PDB file of N, CA and C in Angstrom:
ATOM      1  N   MET A   1       0.829  -1.188  -0.001  1.00  0.00           N
ATOM      2  CA  MET A   1      -0.001   0.001   0.003  1.00  0.00           C
ATOM      3  C   MET A   1       0.869   1.256  -0.001  1.00  0.00           C
ATOM      4  N   SER A   2       1.962   1.216   0.757  1.00  0.00           N
ATOM      5  CA  SER A   2       2.805   2.404   0.831  1.00  0.00           C
ATOM      6  C   SER A   2       3.478   2.701  -0.510  1.00  0.00           C
ATOM      7  N   HIS A   3       3.802   1.650  -1.255  1.00  0.00           N
ATOM      8  CA  HIS A   3       4.428   1.866  -2.561  1.00  0.00           C
ATOM      9  C   HIS A   3       3.421   2.511  -3.527  1.00  0.00           C
ATOM     10  N   VAL A   4       2.165   2.130  -3.446  1.00  0.00           N
ATOM     11  CA  VAL A   4       1.127   2.738  -4.292  1.00  0.00           C
ATOM     12  C   VAL A   4       0.984   4.219  -3.934  1.00  0.00           C
ATOM     13  N   PHE A   5       1.002   4.532  -2.649  1.00  0.00           N
ATOM     14  CA  PHE A   5       0.929   5.941  -2.237  1.00  0.00           C
ATOM     15  C   PHE A   5       2.140   6.709  -2.724  1.00  0.00           C
ATOM     16  N   ALA A   6       3.319   6.100  -2.665  1.00  0.00           N
ATOM     17  CA  ALA A   6       4.537   6.768  -3.137  1.00  0.00           C
ATOM     18  C   ALA A   6       4.458   7.051  -4.627  1.00  0.00           C
ATOM     19  N   ILE A   7       3.977   6.094  -5.388  1.00  0.00           N
ATOM     20  CA  ILE A   7       3.841   6.300  -6.832  1.00  0.00           C
ATOM     21  C   ILE A   7       2.829   7.398  -7.124  1.00  0.00           C
ATOM     22  N   ALA A   8       1.673   7.349  -6.464  1.00  0.00           N
ATOM     23  CA  ALA A   8       0.626   8.342  -6.700  1.00  0.00           C
ATOM     24  C   ALA A   8       1.085   9.741  -6.307  1.00  0.00           C
ATOM     25  N   ALA A   9       1.736   9.869  -5.154  1.00  0.00           N
ATOM     26  CA  ALA A   9       2.180  11.187  -4.705  1.00  0.00           C
ATOM     27  C   ALA A   9       3.277  11.736  -5.594  1.00  0.00           C
ATOM     28  N   THR A  10       4.190  10.880  -6.020  1.00  0.00           N
ATOM     29  CA  THR A  10       5.270  11.331  -6.898  1.00  0.00           C
ATOM     30  C   THR A  10       4.723  11.747  -8.251  1.00  0.00           C
ATOM     31  N   TRP A  11       3.787  10.974  -8.773  1.00  0.00           N
ATOM     32  CA  TRP A  11       3.167  11.315 -10.058  1.00  0.00           C
ATOM     33  C   TRP A  11       2.382  12.610  -9.941  1.00  0.00           C
ATOM     34  N   ARG A  12       1.640  12.773  -8.843  1.00  0.00           N
ATOM     35  CA  ARG A  12       0.824  13.975  -8.630  1.00  0.00           C
ATOM     36  C   ARG A  12       1.691  15.219  -8.508  1.00  0.00           C
ATOM     37  N   ALA A  13       2.893  15.072  -7.958  1.00  0.00           N
ATOM     38  CA  ALA A  13       3.802  16.204  -7.799  1.00  0.00           C
ATOM     39  C   ALA A  13       4.630  16.448  -9.060  1.00  0.00           C
ATOM     40  N   SER A  14       4.331  15.721 -10.134  1.00  0.00           N
ATOM     41  CA  SER A  14       5.034  15.853 -11.415  1.00  0.00           C
ATOM     42  C   SER A  14       6.537  15.605 -11.284  1.00  0.00           C
ATOM     43  N   LYS A  15       6.873  14.631 -10.451  1.00  0.00           N
ATOM     44  CA  LYS A  15       8.255  14.229 -10.284  1.00  0.00           C
ATOM     45  C   LYS A  15       8.472  12.927 -11.045  1.00  0.00           C
ATOM     46  N   PRO A  16       9.721  12.576 -11.358  1.00  0.00           N
ATOM     47  CA  PRO A  16       9.963  11.334 -12.095  1.00  0.00           C
ATOM     48  C   PRO A  16       9.555  10.103 -11.294  1.00  0.00           C
ATOM     49  N   VAL A  17       8.792   9.237 -11.924  1.00  0.00           N
ATOM     50  CA  VAL A  17       8.246   8.056 -11.252  1.00  0.00           C
ATOM     51  C   VAL A  17       8.984   6.785 -11.660  1.00  0.00           C
ATOM     52  N   ARG A  18       9.695   6.837 -12.753  1.00  0.00           N
ATOM     53  CA  ARG A  18      10.309   5.632 -13.322  1.00  0.00           C
ATOM     54  C   ARG A  18      11.222   4.903 -12.334  1.00  0.00           C
ATOM     55  N   TYR A  19      11.948   5.628 -11.506  1.00  0.00           N
ATOM     56  CA  TYR A  19      12.876   4.992 -10.590  1.00  0.00           C
ATOM     57  C   TYR A  19      12.155   4.145  -9.538  1.00  0.00           C
ATOM     58  N   LEU A  20      10.891   4.423  -9.283  1.00  0.00           N
ATOM     59  CA  LEU A  20      10.144   3.642  -8.299  1.00  0.00           C
ATOM     60  C   LEU A  20       9.851   2.224  -8.792  1.00  0.00           C
ATOM     61  N   PHE A  21      10.020   1.993 -10.080  1.00  0.00           N
ATOM     62  CA  PHE A  21       9.787   0.675 -10.648  1.00  0.00           C
ATOM     63  C   PHE A  21      11.087  -0.080 -10.920  1.00  0.00           C
ATOM     64  N   SER A  22      12.208   0.474 -10.508  1.00  0.00           N
ATOM     65  CA  SER A  22      13.496  -0.191 -10.722  1.00  0.00           C
ATOM     66  C   SER A  22      14.070  -0.607  -9.369  1.00  0.00           C
ATOM     67  N   ASN A  23      15.085  -1.417  -9.424  1.00  0.00           N
ATOM     68  CA  ASN A  23      15.778  -1.848  -8.225  1.00  0.00           C
ATOM     69  C   ASN A  23      16.836  -0.799  -7.911  1.00  0.00           C
ATOM     70  N   VAL A  24      16.524   0.092  -6.998  1.00  0.00           N
ATOM     71  CA  VAL A  24      17.383   1.243  -6.739  1.00  0.00           C
ATOM     72  C   VAL A  24      18.762   0.811  -6.270  1.00  0.00           C
ATOM     73  N   GLY A  25      18.863  -0.270  -5.532  1.00  0.00           N
ATOM     74  CA  GLY A  25      20.148  -0.719  -5.032  1.00  0.00           C
ATOM     75  C   GLY A  25      21.108  -1.105  -6.133  1.00  0.00           C
ATOM     76  N   PHE A  26      20.599  -1.629  -7.235  1.00  0.00           N
ATOM     77  CA  PHE A  26      21.460  -2.072  -8.332  1.00  0.00           C
ATOM     78  C   PHE A  26      21.422  -1.124  -9.524  1.00  0.00           C
ATOM     79  N   ALA A  27      20.431  -0.283  -9.615  1.00  0.00           N
ATOM     80  CA  ALA A  27      20.286   0.618 -10.756  1.00  0.00           C
ATOM     81  C   ALA A  27      20.961   1.964 -10.513  1.00  0.00           C
ATOM     82  N   GLY A  28      21.616   2.116  -9.390  1.00  0.00           N
ATOM     83  CA  GLY A  28      22.269   3.383  -9.066  1.00  0.00           C
ATOM     84  C   GLY A  28      21.411   4.204  -8.130  1.00  0.00           C
ATOM     85  N   PRO A  29      21.906   5.345  -7.741  1.00  0.00           N
ATOM     86  CA  PRO A  29      21.151   6.185  -6.795  1.00  0.00           C
ATOM     87  C   PRO A  29      19.915   6.789  -7.463  1.00  0.00           C
ATOM     88  N   PRO A  30      18.907   7.126  -6.661  1.00  0.00           N
ATOM     89  CA  PRO A  30      17.714   7.771  -7.237  1.00  0.00           C
ATOM     90  C   PRO A  30      18.056   9.171  -7.733  1.00  0.00           C
ATOM     91  N   PRO A  31      17.214   9.718  -8.594  1.00  0.00           N
ATOM     92  CA  PRO A  31      17.438  11.094  -9.075  1.00  0.00           C
ATOM     93  C   PRO A  31      17.450  12.081  -7.907  1.00  0.00           C
ATOM     94  N   THR A  32      18.049  13.235  -8.120  1.00  0.00           N
ATOM     95  CA  THR A  32      18.184  14.207  -7.040  1.00  0.00           C
ATOM     96  C   THR A  32      16.895  14.975  -6.754  1.00  0.00           C
ATOM     97  N   ASP A  33      15.992  15.029  -7.697  1.00  0.00           N
ATOM     98  CA  ASP A  33      14.779  15.844  -7.521  1.00  0.00           C
ATOM     99  C   ASP A  33      13.574  15.010  -7.096  1.00  0.00           C
ATOM    100  N   VAL A  34      13.779  13.958  -6.345  1.00  0.00           N
ATOM    101  CA  VAL A  34      12.673  13.105  -5.905  1.00  0.00           C
ATOM    102  C   VAL A  34      12.583  13.126  -4.383  1.00  0.00           C
ATOM    103  N   GLY A  35      11.465  12.647  -3.874  1.00  0.00           N
ATOM    104  CA  GLY A  35      11.274  12.561  -2.438  1.00  0.00           C
ATOM    105  C   GLY A  35      10.389  13.678  -1.915  1.00  0.00           C
ATOM    106  N   PHE A  36       9.967  13.504  -0.685  1.00  0.00           N
ATOM    107  CA  PHE A  36       9.081  14.457  -0.035  1.00  0.00           C
ATOM    108  C   PHE A  36       9.598  14.739   1.362  1.00  0.00           C
ATOM    109  N   GLY A  37       9.111  15.828   1.917  1.00  0.00           N
ATOM    110  CA  GLY A  37       9.458  16.180   3.283  1.00  0.00           C
ATOM    111  C   GLY A  37       8.681  15.331   4.282  1.00  0.00           C
ATOM    112  N   LEU A  38       9.085  15.433   5.522  1.00  0.00           N
ATOM    113  CA  LEU A  38       8.477  14.625   6.573  1.00  0.00           C
ATOM    114  C   LEU A  38       6.981  14.877   6.753  1.00  0.00           C
ATOM    115  N   PRO A  39       6.470  16.123   6.640  1.00  0.00           N
ATOM    116  CA  PRO A  39       5.017  16.312   6.769  1.00  0.00           C
ATOM    117  C   PRO A  39       4.212  15.539   5.710  1.00  0.00           C
ATOM    118  N   VAL A  40       4.721  15.487   4.490  1.00  0.00           N
ATOM    119  CA  VAL A  40       4.025  14.740   3.433  1.00  0.00           C
ATOM    120  C   VAL A  40       4.071  13.253   3.730  1.00  0.00           C
ATOM    121  N   VAL A  41       5.211  12.768   4.189  1.00  0.00           N
ATOM    122  CA  VAL A  41       5.337  11.355   4.529  1.00  0.00           C
ATOM    123  C   VAL A  41       4.374  10.992   5.656  1.00  0.00           C
ATOM    124  N   TYR A  42       4.310  11.808   6.678  1.00  0.00           N
ATOM    125  CA  TYR A  42       3.370  11.552   7.781  1.00  0.00           C
ATOM    126  C   TYR A  42       1.921  11.581   7.300  1.00  0.00           C
ATOM    127  N   ALA A  43       1.598  12.539   6.424  1.00  0.00           N
ATOM    128  CA  ALA A  43       0.221  12.640   5.908  1.00  0.00           C
ATOM    129  C   ALA A  43      -0.152  11.386   5.114  1.00  0.00           C
ATOM    130  N   LEU A  44       0.772  10.905   4.290  1.00  0.00           N
ATOM    131  CA  LEU A  44       0.494   9.687   3.526  1.00  0.00           C
ATOM    132  C   LEU A  44       0.385   8.473   4.445  1.00  0.00           C
ATOM    133  N   TRP A  45       1.194   8.430   5.495  1.00  0.00           N
ATOM    134  CA  TRP A  45       1.119   7.341   6.460  1.00  0.00           C
ATOM    135  C   TRP A  45      -0.236   7.333   7.166  1.00  0.00           C
ATOM    136  N   ILE A  46      -0.683   8.488   7.600  1.00  0.00           N
ATOM    137  CA  ILE A  46      -1.981   8.593   8.271  1.00  0.00           C
ATOM    138  C   ILE A  46      -3.103   8.216   7.312  1.00  0.00           C
ATOM    139  N   LEU A  47      -3.013   8.648   6.054  1.00  0.00           N
ATOM    140  CA  LEU A  47      -4.006   8.275   5.059  1.00  0.00           C
ATOM    141  C   LEU A  47      -4.052   6.762   4.875  1.00  0.00           C
ATOM    142  N   GLY A  48      -2.896   6.123   4.847  1.00  0.00           N
ATOM    143  CA  GLY A  48      -2.848   4.666   4.731  1.00  0.00           C
ATOM    144  C   GLY A  48      -3.506   3.974   5.912  1.00  0.00           C
ATOM    145  N   VAL A  49      -3.271   4.464   7.112  1.00  0.00           N
ATOM    146  CA  VAL A  49      -3.900   3.886   8.302  1.00  0.00           C
ATOM    147  C   VAL A  49      -5.412   4.060   8.241  1.00  0.00           C
ATOM    148  N   ILE A  50      -5.851   5.227   7.852  1.00  0.00           N
ATOM    149  CA  ILE A  50      -7.293   5.506   7.771  1.00  0.00           C
ATOM    150  C   ILE A  50      -7.960   4.605   6.734  1.00  0.00           C
ATOM    151  N   LEU A  51      -7.309   4.403   5.593  1.00  0.00           N
ATOM    152  CA  LEU A  51      -7.899   3.579   4.545  1.00  0.00           C
ATOM    153  C   LEU A  51      -7.865   2.089   4.877  1.00  0.00           C
ATOM    154  N   LEU A  52      -6.852   1.629   5.583  1.00  0.00           N
ATOM    155  CA  LEU A  52      -6.737   0.209   5.880  1.00  0.00           C
ATOM    156  C   LEU A  52      -7.475  -0.219   7.147  1.00  0.00           C
ATOM    157  N   TYR A  53      -7.800   0.720   8.045  1.00  0.00           N
ATOM    158  CA  TYR A  53      -8.456   0.352   9.293  1.00  0.00           C
ATOM    159  C   TYR A  53      -9.781  -0.392   9.090  1.00  0.00           C
ATOM    160  N   PRO A  54     -10.681   0.074   8.214  1.00  0.00           N
ATOM    161  CA  PRO A  54     -11.939  -0.678   8.038  1.00  0.00           C
ATOM    162  C   PRO A  54     -11.708  -2.102   7.544  1.00  0.00           C
ATOM    163  N   LEU A  55     -10.760  -2.303   6.656  1.00  0.00           N
ATOM    164  CA  LEU A  55     -10.460  -3.647   6.180  1.00  0.00           C
ATOM    165  C   LEU A  55      -9.923  -4.525   7.305  1.00  0.00           C
ATOM    166  N   CYS A  56      -9.046  -3.992   8.113  1.00  0.00           N
ATOM    167  CA  CYS A  56      -8.494  -4.755   9.239  1.00  0.00           C
ATOM    168  C   CYS A  56      -9.568  -5.050  10.276  1.00  0.00           C
ATOM    169  N   ALA A  57     -10.446  -4.099  10.548  1.00  0.00           N
ATOM    170  CA  ALA A  57     -11.526  -4.333  11.511  1.00  0.00           C
ATOM    171  C   ALA A  57     -12.489  -5.395  11.001  1.00  0.00           C
ATOM    172  N   TRP A  58     -12.792  -5.370   9.712  1.00  0.00           N
ATOM    173  CA  TRP A  58     -13.654  -6.396   9.122  1.00  0.00           C
ATOM    174  C   TRP A  58     -13.020  -7.777   9.252  1.00  0.00           C
ATOM    175  N   PHE A  59     -11.721  -7.868   8.929  1.00  0.00           N
ATOM    176  CA  PHE A  59     -11.050  -9.158   8.997  1.00  0.00           C
ATOM    177  C   PHE A  59     -10.944  -9.655  10.426  1.00  0.00           C
ATOM    178  N   ALA A  60     -10.763  -8.767  11.380  1.00  0.00           N
ATOM    179  CA  ALA A  60     -10.752  -9.174  12.786  1.00  0.00           C
ATOM    180  C   ALA A  60     -12.111  -9.741  13.175  1.00  0.00           C
ATOM    181  N   GLY A  61     -13.184  -9.160  12.655  1.00  0.00           N
ATOM    182  CA  GLY A  61     -14.515  -9.689  12.914  1.00  0.00           C
ATOM    183  C   GLY A  61     -14.724 -11.052  12.302  1.00  0.00           C
ATOM    184  N   VAL A  62     -14.197 -11.259  11.100  1.00  0.00           N
ATOM    185  CA  VAL A  62     -14.288 -12.570  10.450  1.00  0.00           C
ATOM    186  C   VAL A  62     -13.558 -13.611  11.281  1.00  0.00           C
ATOM    187  N   LYS A  63     -12.366 -13.279  11.760  1.00  0.00           N
ATOM    188  CA  LYS A  63     -11.593 -14.231  12.570  1.00  0.00           C
ATOM    189  C   LYS A  63     -12.273 -14.510  13.900  1.00  0.00           C
ATOM    190  N   ALA A  64     -13.000 -13.543  14.444  1.00  0.00           N
ATOM    191  CA  ALA A  64     -13.698 -13.750  15.709  1.00  0.00           C
ATOM    192  C   ALA A  64     -14.948 -14.603  15.517  1.00  0.00           C
ATOM    193  N   ARG A  65     -15.620 -14.468  14.377  1.00  0.00           N
ATOM    194  CA  ARG A  65     -16.848 -15.219  14.124  1.00  0.00           C
ATOM    195  C   ARG A  65     -16.607 -16.650  13.668  1.00  0.00           C
ATOM    196  N   ARG A  66     -15.550 -16.852  12.928  1.00  0.00           N
ATOM    197  CA  ARG A  66     -15.304 -18.160  12.326  1.00  0.00           C
ATOM    198  C   ARG A  66     -14.074 -18.812  12.944  1.00  0.00           C
ATOM    199  N   ARG A  67     -14.088 -20.113  13.035  1.00  0.00           N
ATOM    200  CA  ARG A  67     -12.978 -20.858  13.616  1.00  0.00           C
ATOM    201  C   ARG A  67     -12.359 -21.809  12.597  1.00  0.00           C
ATOM    202  N   ASP A  68     -12.348 -21.431  11.337  1.00  0.00           N
ATOM    203  CA  ASP A  68     -11.723 -22.282  10.322  1.00  0.00           C
ATOM    204  C   ASP A  68     -10.232 -22.415  10.613  1.00  0.00           C
ATOM    205  N   TRP A  69      -9.682 -23.592  10.341  1.00  0.00           N
ATOM    206  CA  TRP A  69      -8.292 -23.868  10.687  1.00  0.00           C
ATOM    207  C   TRP A  69      -7.317 -22.967   9.931  1.00  0.00           C
ATOM    208  N   TRP A  70      -7.660 -22.621   8.686  1.00  0.00           N
ATOM    209  CA  TRP A  70      -6.728 -21.843   7.886  1.00  0.00           C
ATOM    210  C   TRP A  70      -6.663 -20.381   8.302  1.00  0.00           C
ATOM    211  N   LEU A  71      -7.685 -19.901   9.029  1.00  0.00           N
ATOM    212  CA  LEU A  71      -7.656 -18.504   9.481  1.00  0.00           C
ATOM    213  C   LEU A  71      -6.596 -18.282  10.558  1.00  0.00           C
ATOM    214  N   SER A  72      -6.181 -19.339  11.240  1.00  0.00           N
ATOM    215  CA  SER A  72      -5.159 -19.161  12.260  1.00  0.00           C
ATOM    216  C   SER A  72      -3.789 -18.876  11.639  1.00  0.00           C
ATOM    217  N   TYR A  73      -3.642 -19.141  10.351  1.00  0.00           N
ATOM    218  CA  TYR A  73      -2.381 -18.875   9.683  1.00  0.00           C
ATOM    219  C   TYR A  73      -2.309 -17.478   9.076  1.00  0.00           C
ATOM    220  N   LEU A  74      -3.386 -16.734   9.122  1.00  0.00           N
ATOM    221  CA  LEU A  74      -3.415 -15.371   8.560  1.00  0.00           C
ATOM    222  C   LEU A  74      -3.351 -14.333   9.655  1.00  0.00           C
TER     223      LEU A  74
END
Protein backbone atom coordinates (compact mmCIF):
# COMPACT_ATOMS: atom_id res chain seq x y z
CA MET A 1 0.00 0.00 0.00
CA SER A 2 2.80 2.40 0.83
CA HIS A 3 4.42 1.87 -2.56
CA VAL A 4 1.13 2.74 -4.29
CA PHE A 5 0.93 5.94 -2.24
CA ALA A 6 4.54 6.77 -3.14
CA ILE A 7 3.84 6.30 -6.83
CA ALA A 8 0.63 8.34 -6.70
CA ALA A 9 2.18 11.19 -4.70
CA THR A 10 5.27 11.32 -6.90
CA TRP A 11 3.17 11.31 -10.06
CA ARG A 12 0.83 13.98 -8.63
CA ALA A 13 3.80 16.20 -7.80
CA SER A 14 5.03 15.85 -11.41
CA LYS A 15 8.26 14.23 -10.28
CA PRO A 16 9.96 11.34 -12.10
CA VAL A 17 8.25 8.05 -11.25
CA ARG A 18 10.31 5.63 -13.32
CA TYR A 19 12.88 4.99 -10.59
CA LEU A 20 10.14 3.64 -8.30
CA PHE A 21 9.79 0.67 -10.65
CA SER A 22 13.49 -0.19 -10.72
CA ASN A 23 15.78 -1.85 -8.22
CA VAL A 24 17.38 1.24 -6.74
CA GLY A 25 20.15 -0.72 -5.03
CA PHE A 26 21.46 -2.07 -8.33
CA ALA A 27 20.29 0.62 -10.75
CA GLY A 28 22.27 3.38 -9.07
CA PRO A 29 21.15 6.19 -6.80
CA PRO A 30 17.71 7.77 -7.24
CA PRO A 31 17.44 11.09 -9.07
CA THR A 32 18.18 14.20 -7.04
CA ASP A 33 14.78 15.84 -7.52
CA VAL A 34 12.67 13.10 -5.91
CA GLY A 35 11.28 12.56 -2.43
CA PHE A 36 9.08 14.46 -0.03
CA GLY A 37 9.46 16.18 3.28
CA LEU A 38 8.48 14.63 6.58
CA PRO A 39 5.02 16.31 6.77
CA VAL A 40 4.02 14.74 3.44
CA VAL A 41 5.34 11.35 4.52
CA TYR A 42 3.37 11.55 7.78
CA ALA A 43 0.22 12.64 5.91
CA LEU A 44 0.49 9.68 3.53
CA TRP A 45 1.12 7.34 6.46
CA ILE A 46 -1.99 8.59 8.27
CA LEU A 47 -4.01 8.27 5.06
CA GLY A 48 -2.85 4.66 4.73
CA VAL A 49 -3.90 3.88 8.30
CA ILE A 50 -7.29 5.50 7.77
CA LEU A 51 -7.90 3.58 4.55
CA LEU A 52 -6.74 0.21 5.88
CA TYR A 53 -8.46 0.35 9.29
CA PRO A 54 -11.94 -0.68 8.03
CA LEU A 55 -10.46 -3.65 6.18
CA CYS A 56 -8.49 -4.76 9.24
CA ALA A 57 -11.53 -4.33 11.51
CA TRP A 58 -13.65 -6.40 9.12
CA PHE A 59 -11.05 -9.16 8.99
CA ALA A 60 -10.75 -9.17 12.79
CA GLY A 61 -14.52 -9.69 12.92
CA VAL A 62 -14.29 -12.58 10.45
CA LYS A 63 -11.60 -14.23 12.57
CA ALA A 64 -13.70 -13.75 15.71
CA ARG A 65 -16.85 -15.22 14.13
CA ARG A 66 -15.30 -18.16 12.33
CA ARG A 67 -12.98 -20.86 13.62
CA ASP A 68 -11.73 -22.28 10.32
CA TRP A 69 -8.29 -23.87 10.68
CA TRP A 70 -6.73 -21.85 7.89
CA LEU A 71 -7.66 -18.50 9.48
CA SER A 72 -5.16 -19.16 12.26
CA TYR A 73 -2.38 -18.87 9.68
CA LEU A 74 -3.42 -15.37 8.56
